[in-house]
Amino acid sequence: MLKVKLHYLDSKFSYYSYFNSRIAPFMKQLDVCLTPDLLHLHKLDNSIVVVADVFRATSCMVTGLAYGVKSITPVATIEECKILQNKGFIAAAERDAKKEEGFDLDNSPFSYMNERLIGAEIAMTTTNGTLSITKARASAVKVMVGSFLNLGALANHLRTEPYDVLVLCAGWKGRPNLEDTLFAGALADALKDQFILREDGTLMAQRLYDQAKGNLLASVSNSSHVRRLQRLGIHKDIAYCLQTDLYDIVPILRGSTLVAMH
């Protein structure tokens, strides 16, 4: 019996050895970066970076473009956003989940459903999401924006791309967070048949999502950012941002500006 088990294990390891040496090099790889502070550990020269800031920047971007916003220019600082505002952009600025004084929009996706924004050019700066985009664009082949709201459309497009994928979780001020990691796991789960999921961060995210997918709202109910938003009286945004596949849209960075891919 022991010899049989050992033979089985030898065969199994031989298969994985063959797979990794002969098949895996020709498959695309999907990896997860749990916080922008770890981005320097990843090679981006053959990768599409998908930035995820579920609560709430990338959910706002997807919603705005789905509702007819012409473009969104993400910038890292308040000062850059103010300069663009002075040039005629509608300006959205958020720090610590609160709207900055003197700007036009906050960081709620419901603010991006207004008819007056159809055809608008928006400048946006947020605590984590826009900073992540500006960090990624220097080295990535392409930068796209992901959220649960456009999960299916994003996955469908990435299947057609020849590049590896890195999901960059915006996190919170350099720390990982639960909601972005869950999104990374959801995307990894959707693409597991077309991409190799090799790194531990990716496997962690996928397994976390697998445990939570039956009730995402309950799974994040005690997370740090949910508590932060609830203290500010922001409740409806949380449930909205966890809905899956509301929009068939993929935002992509063209130069320094996000537009809907057509």
C-alpha atoms as a PDB file:
ATOM      1  CA  MET A   1       0.000   0.000   0.000  1.00  0.00           C
ATOM      2  CA  LEU A   2       2.831   2.414   0.852  1.00  0.00           C
ATOM      3  CA  LYS A   3       4.530   1.711  -2.494  1.00  0.00           C
ATOM      4  CA  VAL A   4       1.273   2.445  -4.295  1.00  0.00           C
ATOM      5  CA  LYS A   5       0.872   5.763  -2.469  1.00  0.00           C
ATOM      6  CA  LEU A   6       4.480   6.722  -3.165  1.00  0.00           C
ATOM      7  CA  HIS A   7       4.057   5.845  -6.828  1.00  0.00           C
ATOM      8  CA  TYR A   8       0.920   8.003  -6.956  1.00  0.00           C
ATOM      9  CA  LEU A   9       2.741  10.939  -5.366  1.00  0.00           C
ATOM     10  CA  ASP A  10       5.712  10.502  -7.706  1.00  0.00           C
ATOM     11  CA  SER A  11       3.344  10.551 -10.677  1.00  0.00           C
ATOM     12  CA  LYS A  12       1.590  13.633  -9.361  1.00  0.00           C
ATOM     13  CA  PHE A  13       4.850  15.526  -8.819  1.00  0.00           C
ATOM     14  CA  SER A  14       6.055  14.434 -12.244  1.00  0.00           C
ATOM     15  CA  TYR A  15       2.914  15.904 -13.785  1.00  0.00           C
ATOM     16  CA  TYR A  16       3.372  19.233 -12.015  1.00  0.00           C
ATOM     17  CA  SER A  17       7.051  19.259 -12.936  1.00  0.00           C
ATOM     18  CA  TYR A  18       6.160  18.669 -16.588  1.00  0.00           C
ATOM     19  CA  PHE A  19       3.407  21.297 -16.438  1.00  0.00           C
ATOM     20  CA  ASN A  20       5.670  23.943 -14.916  1.00  0.00           C
ATOM     21  CA  SER A  21       8.555  23.260 -17.297  1.00  0.00           C
ATOM     22  CA  ARG A  22       6.669  22.757 -20.590  1.00  0.00           C
ATOM     23  CA  ILE A  23       3.202  24.290 -20.387  1.00  0.00           C
ATOM     24  CA  ALA A  24       3.318  27.034 -17.750  1.00  0.00           C
ATOM     25  CA  PRO A  25       5.917  29.209 -19.536  1.00  0.00           C
ATOM     26  CA  PHE A  26       3.451  29.702 -22.396  1.00  0.00           C
ATOM     27  CA  MET A  27       0.514  30.642 -20.156  1.00  0.00           C
ATOM     28  CA  LYS A  28      -0.218  34.078 -18.842  1.00  0.00           C
ATOM     29  CA  GLN A  29       0.209  34.717 -15.138  1.00  0.00           C
ATOM     30  CA  LEU A  30      -2.047  36.617 -12.754  1.00  0.00           C
ATOM     31  CA  ASP A  31      -0.541  38.046  -9.595  1.00  0.00           C
ATOM     32  CA  VAL A  32      -1.860  40.208  -6.762  1.00  0.00           C
ATOM     33  CA  CYS A  33      -0.115  43.110  -5.072  1.00  0.00           C
ATOM     34  CA  LEU A  34      -1.857  43.680  -1.743  1.00  0.00           C
ATOM     35  CA  THR A  35      -0.734  47.305  -1.322  1.00  0.00           C
ATOM     36  CA  PRO A  36       0.983  49.930  -3.498  1.00  0.00           C
ATOM     37  CA  ASP A  37       3.881  49.942  -1.025  1.00  0.00           C
ATOM     38  CA  LEU A  38       4.807  46.486  -2.369  1.00  0.00           C
ATOM     39  CA  LEU A  39       4.568  47.413  -6.041  1.00  0.00           C
ATOM     40  CA  HIS A  40       8.346  47.704  -6.413  1.00  0.00           C
ATOM     41  CA  LEU A  41       8.599  43.939  -5.800  1.00  0.00           C
ATOM     42  CA  HIS A  42       6.692  43.159  -9.007  1.00  0.00           C
ATOM     43  CA  LYS A  43       7.858  43.234 -12.619  1.00  0.00           C
ATOM     44  CA  LEU A  44       5.438  45.211 -14.757  1.00  0.00           C
ATOM     45  CA  ASP A  45       7.156  45.244 -18.141  1.00  0.00           C
ATOM     46  CA  ASN A  46       4.821  42.542 -19.522  1.00  0.00           C
ATOM     47  CA  SER A  47       1.826  43.200 -17.301  1.00  0.00           C
ATOM     48  CA  ILE A  48      -1.508  44.919 -17.406  1.00  0.00           C
ATOM     49  CA  VAL A  49      -2.087  46.481 -13.996  1.00  0.00           C
ATOM     50  CA  VAL A  50      -5.682  46.417 -12.765  1.00  0.00           C
ATOM     51  CA  VAL A  51      -6.110  48.932  -9.957  1.00  0.00           C
ATOM     52  CA  ALA A  52      -8.846  48.190  -7.423  1.00  0.00           C
ATOM     53  CA  ASP A  53     -10.113  50.618  -4.794  1.00  0.00           C
ATOM     54  CA  VAL A  54     -13.526  49.136  -4.132  1.00  0.00           C
ATOM     55  CA  PHE A  55     -14.454  51.609  -1.345  1.00  0.00           C
ATOM     56  CA  ARG A  56     -14.737  53.825  -3.342  1.00  0.00           C
ATOM     57  CA  ALA A  57     -12.500  55.366  -6.008  1.00  0.00           C
ATOM     58  CA  THR A  58     -12.572  52.711  -8.720  1.00  0.00           C
ATOM     59  CA  SER A  59     -16.275  52.097  -8.106  1.00  0.00           C
ATOM     60  CA  CYS A  60     -16.804  55.833  -8.734  1.00  0.00           C
ATOM     61  CA  MET A  61     -14.736  55.674 -11.920  1.00  0.00           C
ATOM     62  CA  VAL A  62     -16.673  52.736 -13.313  1.00  0.00           C
ATOM     63  CA  THR A  63     -20.004  54.305 -12.372  1.00  0.00           C
ATOM     64  CA  GLY A  64     -19.133  57.703 -13.799  1.00  0.00           C
ATOM     65  CA  LEU A  65     -17.961  56.372 -17.152  1.00  0.00           C
ATOM     66  CA  ALA A  66     -20.993  54.081 -17.323  1.00  0.00           C
ATOM     67  CA  TYR A  67     -23.259  57.100 -16.779  1.00  0.00           C
ATOM     68  CA  GLY A  68     -21.669  59.105 -19.568  1.00  0.00           C
ATOM     69  CA  VAL A  69     -18.689  60.930 -18.070  1.00  0.00           C
ATOM     70  CA  LYS A  70     -16.259  61.600 -20.924  1.00  0.00           C
ATOM     71  CA  SER A  71     -13.022  61.106 -19.009  1.00  0.00           C
ATOM     72  CA  ILE A  72     -11.474  60.990 -15.538  1.00  0.00           C
ATOM     73  CA  THR A  73      -7.946  62.227 -14.907  1.00  0.00           C
ATOM     74  CA  PRO A  74      -6.547  60.644 -11.723  1.00  0.00           C
ATOM     75  CA  VAL A  75      -3.885  62.626  -9.876  1.00  0.00           C
ATOM     76  CA  ALA A  76      -1.981  61.926  -6.680  1.00  0.00           C
ATOM     77  CA  THR A  77      -2.240  65.268  -4.913  1.00  0.00           C
ATOM     78  CA  ILE A  78      -4.779  67.906  -3.938  1.00  0.00           C
ATOM     79  CA  GLU A  79      -2.593  70.544  -5.608  1.00  0.00           C
ATOM     80  CA  GLU A  80      -2.644  68.781  -8.981  1.00  0.00           C
ATOM     81  CA  CYS A  81      -6.414  68.425  -8.782  1.00  0.00           C
ATOM     82  CA  LYS A  82      -6.819  72.133  -7.989  1.00  0.00           C
ATOM     83  CA  ILE A  83      -4.699  73.071 -11.019  1.00  0.00           C
ATOM     84  CA  LEU A  84      -6.965  71.015 -13.280  1.00  0.00           C
ATOM     85  CA  GLN A  85     -10.047  72.498 -11.634  1.00  0.00           C
ATOM     86  CA  ASN A  86      -8.732  75.965 -12.464  1.00  0.00           C
ATOM     87  CA  LYS A  87      -8.392  74.808 -16.086  1.00  0.00           C
ATOM     88  CA  GLY A  88     -12.077  73.959 -16.269  1.00  0.00           C
ATOM     89  CA  PHE A  89     -12.245  70.350 -15.084  1.00  0.00           C
ATOM     90  CA  ILE A  90     -14.939  69.249 -12.668  1.00  0.00           C
ATOM     91  CA  ALA A  91     -12.845  68.306  -9.651  1.00  0.00           C
ATOM     92  CA  ALA A  92     -13.343  65.488  -7.146  1.00  0.00           C
ATOM     93  CA  ALA A  93     -11.125  65.386  -4.065  1.00  0.00           C
ATOM     94  CA  GLU A  94     -11.254  63.055  -1.076  1.00  0.00           C
ATOM     95  CA  ARG A  95      -9.020  62.498   1.915  1.00  0.00           C
ATOM     96  CA  ASP A  96      -9.784  60.113   4.773  1.00  0.00           C
ATOM     97  CA  ALA A  97     -13.170  59.302   3.165  1.00  0.00           C
ATOM     98  CA  LYS A  98     -14.281  62.964   3.329  1.00  0.00           C
ATOM     99  CA  LYS A  99     -14.701  65.541   0.562  1.00  0.00           C
ATOM    100  CA  GLU A 100     -12.026  68.227   0.494  1.00  0.00           C
ATOM    101  CA  GLU A 101     -13.281  71.797   0.799  1.00  0.00           C
ATOM    102  CA  GLY A 102     -13.466  73.807  -2.404  1.00  0.00           C
ATOM    103  CA  PHE A 103     -13.993  70.891  -4.793  1.00  0.00           C
ATOM    104  CA  ASP A 104     -17.023  69.872  -6.818  1.00  0.00           C
ATOM    105  CA  LEU A 105     -17.466  66.168  -6.069  1.00  0.00           C
ATOM    106  CA  ASP A 106     -16.970  63.772  -3.213  1.00  0.00           C
ATOM    107  CA  ASN A 107     -16.019  60.087  -3.445  1.00  0.00           C
ATOM    108  CA  SER A 108     -19.499  58.555  -3.538  1.00  0.00           C
ATOM    109  CA  PRO A 109     -20.475  56.629  -6.670  1.00  0.00           C
ATOM    110  CA  PHE A 110     -23.969  58.103  -6.395  1.00  0.00           C
ATOM    111  CA  SER A 111     -22.503  61.550  -7.058  1.00  0.00           C
ATOM    112  CA  TYR A 112     -21.361  60.296 -10.474  1.00  0.00           C
ATOM    113  CA  MET A 113     -24.887  59.417 -11.613  1.00  0.00           C
ATOM    114  CA  ASN A 114     -25.879  63.066 -12.091  1.00  0.00           C
ATOM    115  CA  GLU A 115     -27.001  63.991 -15.607  1.00  0.00           C
ATOM    116  CA  ARG A 116     -24.930  67.187 -15.500  1.00  0.00           C
ATOM    117  CA  LEU A 117     -21.794  65.011 -15.679  1.00  0.00           C
ATOM    118  CA  ILE A 118     -22.646  63.503 -19.073  1.00  0.00           C
ATOM    119  CA  GLY A 119     -19.774  64.434 -21.367  1.00  0.00           C
ATOM    120  CA  ALA A 120     -17.795  65.966 -18.495  1.00  0.00           C
ATOM    121  CA  GLU A 121     -14.044  65.848 -17.955  1.00  0.00           C
ATOM    122  CA  ILE A 122     -13.317  65.119 -14.311  1.00  0.00           C
ATOM    123  CA  ALA A 123     -10.107  65.471 -12.341  1.00  0.00           C
ATOM    124  CA  MET A 124      -9.945  63.178  -9.325  1.00  0.00           C
ATOM    125  CA  THR A 125      -7.694  62.692  -6.330  1.00  0.00           C
ATOM    126  CA  THR A 126      -8.354  60.204  -3.530  1.00  0.00           C
ATOM    127  CA  THR A 127      -6.501  58.884  -0.518  1.00  0.00           C
ATOM    128  CA  ASN A 128      -5.515  55.569  -2.093  1.00  0.00           C
ATOM    129  CA  GLY A 129      -6.979  54.804  -5.522  1.00  0.00           C
ATOM    130  CA  THR A 130      -5.626  57.625  -7.669  1.00  0.00           C
ATOM    131  CA  LEU A 131      -2.224  57.343  -6.001  1.00  0.00           C
ATOM    132  CA  SER A 132      -2.137  53.662  -6.980  1.00  0.00           C
ATOM    133  CA  ILE A 133      -2.949  54.498 -10.601  1.00  0.00           C
ATOM    134  CA  THR A 134      -0.202  57.103 -10.829  1.00  0.00           C
ATOM    135  CA  LYS A 135       2.305  54.640  -9.358  1.00  0.00           C
ATOM    136  CA  ALA A 136       1.368  51.908 -11.838  1.00  0.00           C
ATOM    137  CA  ARG A 137       1.318  53.912 -15.047  1.00  0.00           C
ATOM    138  CA  ALA A 138       5.083  54.502 -15.195  1.00  0.00           C
ATOM    139  CA  SER A 139       5.965  50.845 -15.848  1.00  0.00           C
ATOM    140  CA  ALA A 140       2.830  48.880 -16.769  1.00  0.00           C
ATOM    141  CA  VAL A 141       1.974  47.872 -20.332  1.00  0.00           C
ATOM    142  CA  LYS A 142      -1.555  49.126 -19.672  1.00  0.00           C
ATOM    143  CA  VAL A 143      -3.487  50.336 -16.630  1.00  0.00           C
ATOM    144  CA  MET A 144      -7.151  49.405 -16.198  1.00  0.00           C
ATOM    145  CA  VAL A 145      -9.631  49.988 -13.414  1.00  0.00           C
ATOM    146  CA  GLY A 146     -11.520  47.216 -11.663  1.00  0.00           C
ATOM    147  CA  SER A 147     -14.392  46.909  -9.220  1.00  0.00           C
ATOM    148  CA  PHE A 148     -17.075  44.379  -8.458  1.00  0.00           C
ATOM    149  CA  LEU A 149     -19.367  46.559 -10.571  1.00  0.00           C
ATOM    150  CA  ASN A 150     -17.500  45.654 -13.782  1.00  0.00           C
ATOM    151  CA  LEU A 151     -15.914  42.357 -12.763  1.00  0.00           C
ATOM    152  CA  GLY A 152     -17.325  40.259 -15.619  1.00  0.00           C
ATOM    153  CA  ALA A 153     -16.584  42.792 -18.356  1.00  0.00           C
ATOM    154  CA  LEU A 154     -13.025  43.195 -17.092  1.00  0.00           C
ATOM    155  CA  ALA A 155     -12.431  39.438 -16.910  1.00  0.00           C
ATOM    156  CA  ASN A 156     -13.806  38.948 -20.411  1.00  0.00           C
ATOM    157  CA  HIS A 157     -11.454  41.557 -21.810  1.00  0.00           C
ATOM    158  CA  LEU A 158      -8.386  40.282 -19.985  1.00  0.00           C
ATOM    159  CA  ARG A 159      -8.918  36.841 -21.498  1.00  0.00           C
ATOM    160  CA  THR A 160      -8.282  38.401 -24.903  1.00  0.00           C
ATOM    161  CA  GLU A 161      -5.068  40.167 -23.911  1.00  0.00           C
ATOM    162  CA  PRO A 162      -1.632  38.552 -24.487  1.00  0.00           C
ATOM    163  CA  TYR A 163      -0.145  40.042 -21.295  1.00  0.00           C
ATOM    164  CA  ASP A 164       0.217  38.964 -17.697  1.00  0.00           C
ATOM    165  CA  VAL A 165      -2.047  40.677 -15.154  1.00  0.00           C
ATOM    166  CA  LEU A 166      -1.191  42.270 -11.826  1.00  0.00           C
ATOM    167  CA  VAL A 167      -4.104  43.267  -9.610  1.00  0.00           C
ATOM    168  CA  LEU A 168      -2.969  46.252  -7.559  1.00  0.00           C
ATOM    169  CA  CYS A 169      -5.049  46.624  -4.411  1.00  0.00           C
ATOM    170  CA  ALA A 170      -5.132  50.270  -3.342  1.00  0.00           C
ATOM    171  CA  GLY A 171      -5.471  49.324   0.311  1.00  0.00           C
ATOM    172  CA  TRP A 172      -5.454  52.024   2.969  1.00  0.00           C
ATOM    173  CA  LYS A 173      -2.390  54.238   3.374  1.00  0.00           C
ATOM    174  CA  GLY A 174       0.055  51.474   2.520  1.00  0.00           C
ATOM    175  CA  ARG A 175      -1.773  48.718   4.391  1.00  0.00           C
ATOM    176  CA  PRO A 176      -3.773  45.867   2.837  1.00  0.00           C
ATOM    177  CA  ASN A 177      -7.534  45.958   3.164  1.00  0.00           C
ATOM    178  CA  LEU A 178     -10.236  43.340   2.965  1.00  0.00           C
ATOM    179  CA  GLU A 179     -12.475  44.637   0.167  1.00  0.00           C
ATOM    180  CA  ASP A 180      -9.727  45.141  -2.421  1.00  0.00           C
ATOM    181  CA  THR A 181      -8.223  41.754  -1.600  1.00  0.00           C
ATOM    182  CA  LEU A 182     -11.645  40.150  -2.071  1.00  0.00           C
ATOM    183  CA  PHE A 183     -11.953  41.788  -5.485  1.00  0.00           C
ATOM    184  CA  ALA A 184      -8.499  40.521  -6.448  1.00  0.00           C
ATOM    185  CA  GLY A 185      -9.594  37.044  -5.410  1.00  0.00           C
ATOM    186  CA  ALA A 186     -12.803  37.332  -7.424  1.00  0.00           C
ATOM    187  CA  LEU A 187     -10.879  38.308 -10.550  1.00  0.00           C
ATOM    188  CA  ALA A 188      -8.352  35.528  -9.986  1.00  0.00           C
ATOM    189  CA  ASP A 189     -11.195  33.046  -9.580  1.00  0.00           C
ATOM    190  CA  ALA A 190     -12.820  34.232 -12.812  1.00  0.00           C
ATOM    191  CA  LEU A 191      -9.551  33.868 -14.749  1.00  0.00           C
ATOM    192  CA  LYS A 192      -8.120  30.731 -13.146  1.00  0.00           C
ATOM    193  CA  ASP A 193      -8.597  28.640 -16.302  1.00  0.00           C
ATOM    194  CA  GLN A 194      -6.755  31.112 -18.547  1.00  0.00           C
ATOM    195  CA  PHE A 195      -4.025  32.350 -16.200  1.00  0.00           C
ATOM    196  CA  ILE A 196      -1.553  30.692 -13.856  1.00  0.00           C
ATOM    197  CA  LEU A 197      -2.138  31.621 -10.222  1.00  0.00           C
ATOM    198  CA  ARG A 198       1.298  30.966  -8.805  1.00  0.00           C
ATOM    199  CA  GLU A 199       2.156  33.458  -6.070  1.00  0.00           C
ATOM    200  CA  ASP A 200       0.922  33.096  -2.501  1.00  0.00           C
ATOM    201  CA  GLY A 201      -0.705  36.535  -2.480  1.00  0.00           C
ATOM    202  CA  THR A 202      -2.892  35.481  -5.383  1.00  0.00           C
ATOM    203  CA  LEU A 203      -3.806  32.167  -3.785  1.00  0.00           C
ATOM    204  CA  MET A 204      -4.610  33.913  -0.491  1.00  0.00           C
ATOM    205  CA  ALA A 205      -6.917  36.365  -2.245  1.00  0.00           C
ATOM    206  CA  GLN A 206      -8.669  33.642  -4.228  1.00  0.00           C
ATOM    207  CA  ARG A 207      -9.255  31.471  -1.161  1.00  0.00           C
ATOM    208  CA  LEU A 208     -10.497  34.456   0.834  1.00  0.00           C
ATOM    209  CA  TYR A 209     -12.982  35.261  -1.924  1.00  0.00           C
ATOM    210  CA  ASP A 210     -14.079  31.629  -2.149  1.00  0.00           C
ATOM    211  CA  GLN A 211     -15.008  31.718   1.532  1.00  0.00           C
ATOM    212  CA  ALA A 212     -16.735  35.104   1.309  1.00  0.00           C
ATOM    213  CA  LYS A 213     -18.508  35.046  -2.069  1.00  0.00           C
ATOM    214  CA  GLY A 214     -21.816  33.843  -0.664  1.00  0.00           C
ATOM    215  CA  ASN A 215     -22.260  37.081   1.287  1.00  0.00           C
ATOM    216  CA  LEU A 216     -19.691  39.769   0.551  1.00  0.00           C
ATOM    217  CA  LEU A 217     -21.515  42.370   2.628  1.00  0.00           C
ATOM    218  CA  ALA A 218     -21.369  40.230   5.757  1.00  0.00           C
ATOM    219  CA  SER A 219     -17.748  39.348   5.052  1.00  0.00           C
ATOM    220  CA  VAL A 220     -16.615  42.980   5.148  1.00  0.00           C
ATOM    221  CA  SER A 221     -18.995  44.118   7.892  1.00  0.00           C
ATOM    222  CA  ASN A 222     -16.237  44.467  10.486  1.00  0.00           C
ATOM    223  CA  SER A 223     -13.474  45.620   8.158  1.00  0.00           C
ATOM    224  CA  SER A 224     -11.570  48.796   8.929  1.00  0.00           C
ATOM    225  CA  HIS A 225     -12.843  50.828   5.993  1.00  0.00           C
ATOM    226  CA  VAL A 226     -16.459  49.812   6.486  1.00  0.00           C
ATOM    227  CA  ARG A 227     -16.198  50.985  10.093  1.00  0.00           C
ATOM    228  CA  ARG A 228     -14.595  54.213   8.876  1.00  0.00           C
ATOM    229  CA  LEU A 229     -17.397  54.878   6.376  1.00  0.00           C
ATOM    230  CA  GLN A 230     -20.102  53.996   8.872  1.00  0.00           C
ATOM    231  CA  ARG A 231     -18.701  56.471  11.390  1.00  0.00           C
ATOM    232  CA  LEU A 232     -19.198  59.139   8.725  1.00  0.00           C
ATOM    233  CA  GLY A 233     -22.780  57.998   8.110  1.00  0.00           C
ATOM    234  CA  ILE A 234     -21.933  56.522   4.711  1.00  0.00           C
ATOM    235  CA  HIS A 235     -23.922  53.284   4.473  1.00  0.00           C
ATOM    236  CA  LYS A 236     -25.518  52.897   1.043  1.00  0.00           C
ATOM    237  CA  ASP A 237     -22.171  53.185  -0.770  1.00  0.00           C
ATOM    238  CA  ILE A 238     -20.936  50.008   0.906  1.00  0.00           C
ATOM    239  CA  ALA A 239     -23.712  47.765  -0.379  1.00  0.00           C
ATOM    240  CA  TYR A 240     -23.644  49.414  -3.804  1.00  0.00           C
ATOM    241  CA  CYS A 241     -19.910  48.880  -4.325  1.00  0.00           C
ATOM    242  CA  LEU A 242     -20.216  45.154  -3.552  1.00  0.00           C
ATOM    243  CA  GLN A 243     -22.739  44.486  -6.326  1.00  0.00           C
ATOM    244  CA  THR A 244     -21.384  42.402  -9.169  1.00  0.00           C
ATOM    245  CA  ASP A 245     -21.601  43.099 -12.898  1.00  0.00           C
ATOM    246  CA  LEU A 246     -23.803  46.166 -12.960  1.00  0.00           C
ATOM    247  CA  TYR A 247     -21.867  47.642 -15.863  1.00  0.00           C
ATOM    248  CA  ASP A 248     -20.350  46.258 -19.036  1.00  0.00           C
ATOM    249  CA  ILE A 249     -17.500  48.752 -19.111  1.00  0.00           C
ATOM    250  CA  VAL A 250     -13.711  48.633 -18.822  1.00  0.00           C
ATOM    251  CA  PRO A 251     -11.932  51.894 -17.932  1.00  0.00           C
ATOM    252  CA  ILE A 252      -8.422  52.146 -19.390  1.00  0.00           C
ATOM    253  CA  LEU A 253      -5.741  54.763 -18.943  1.00  0.00           C
ATOM    254  CA  ARG A 254      -4.916  56.591 -22.182  1.00  0.00           C
ATOM    255  CA  GLY A 255      -1.953  58.792 -21.436  1.00  0.00           C
ATOM    256  CA  SER A 256      -2.927  60.303 -18.103  1.00  0.00           C
ATOM    257  CA  THR A 257      -6.691  60.012 -18.569  1.00  0.00           C
ATOM    258  CA  LEU A 258      -9.169  57.216 -17.915  1.00  0.00           C
ATOM    259  CA  VAL A 259     -11.745  56.561 -20.623  1.00  0.00           C
ATOM    260  CA  ALA A 260     -14.195  53.758 -21.326  1.00  0.00           C
ATOM    261  CA  MET A 261     -12.705  51.155 -23.644  1.00  0.00           C
ATOM    262  CA  HIS A 262     -14.718  50.659 -26.830  1.00  0.00           C
END
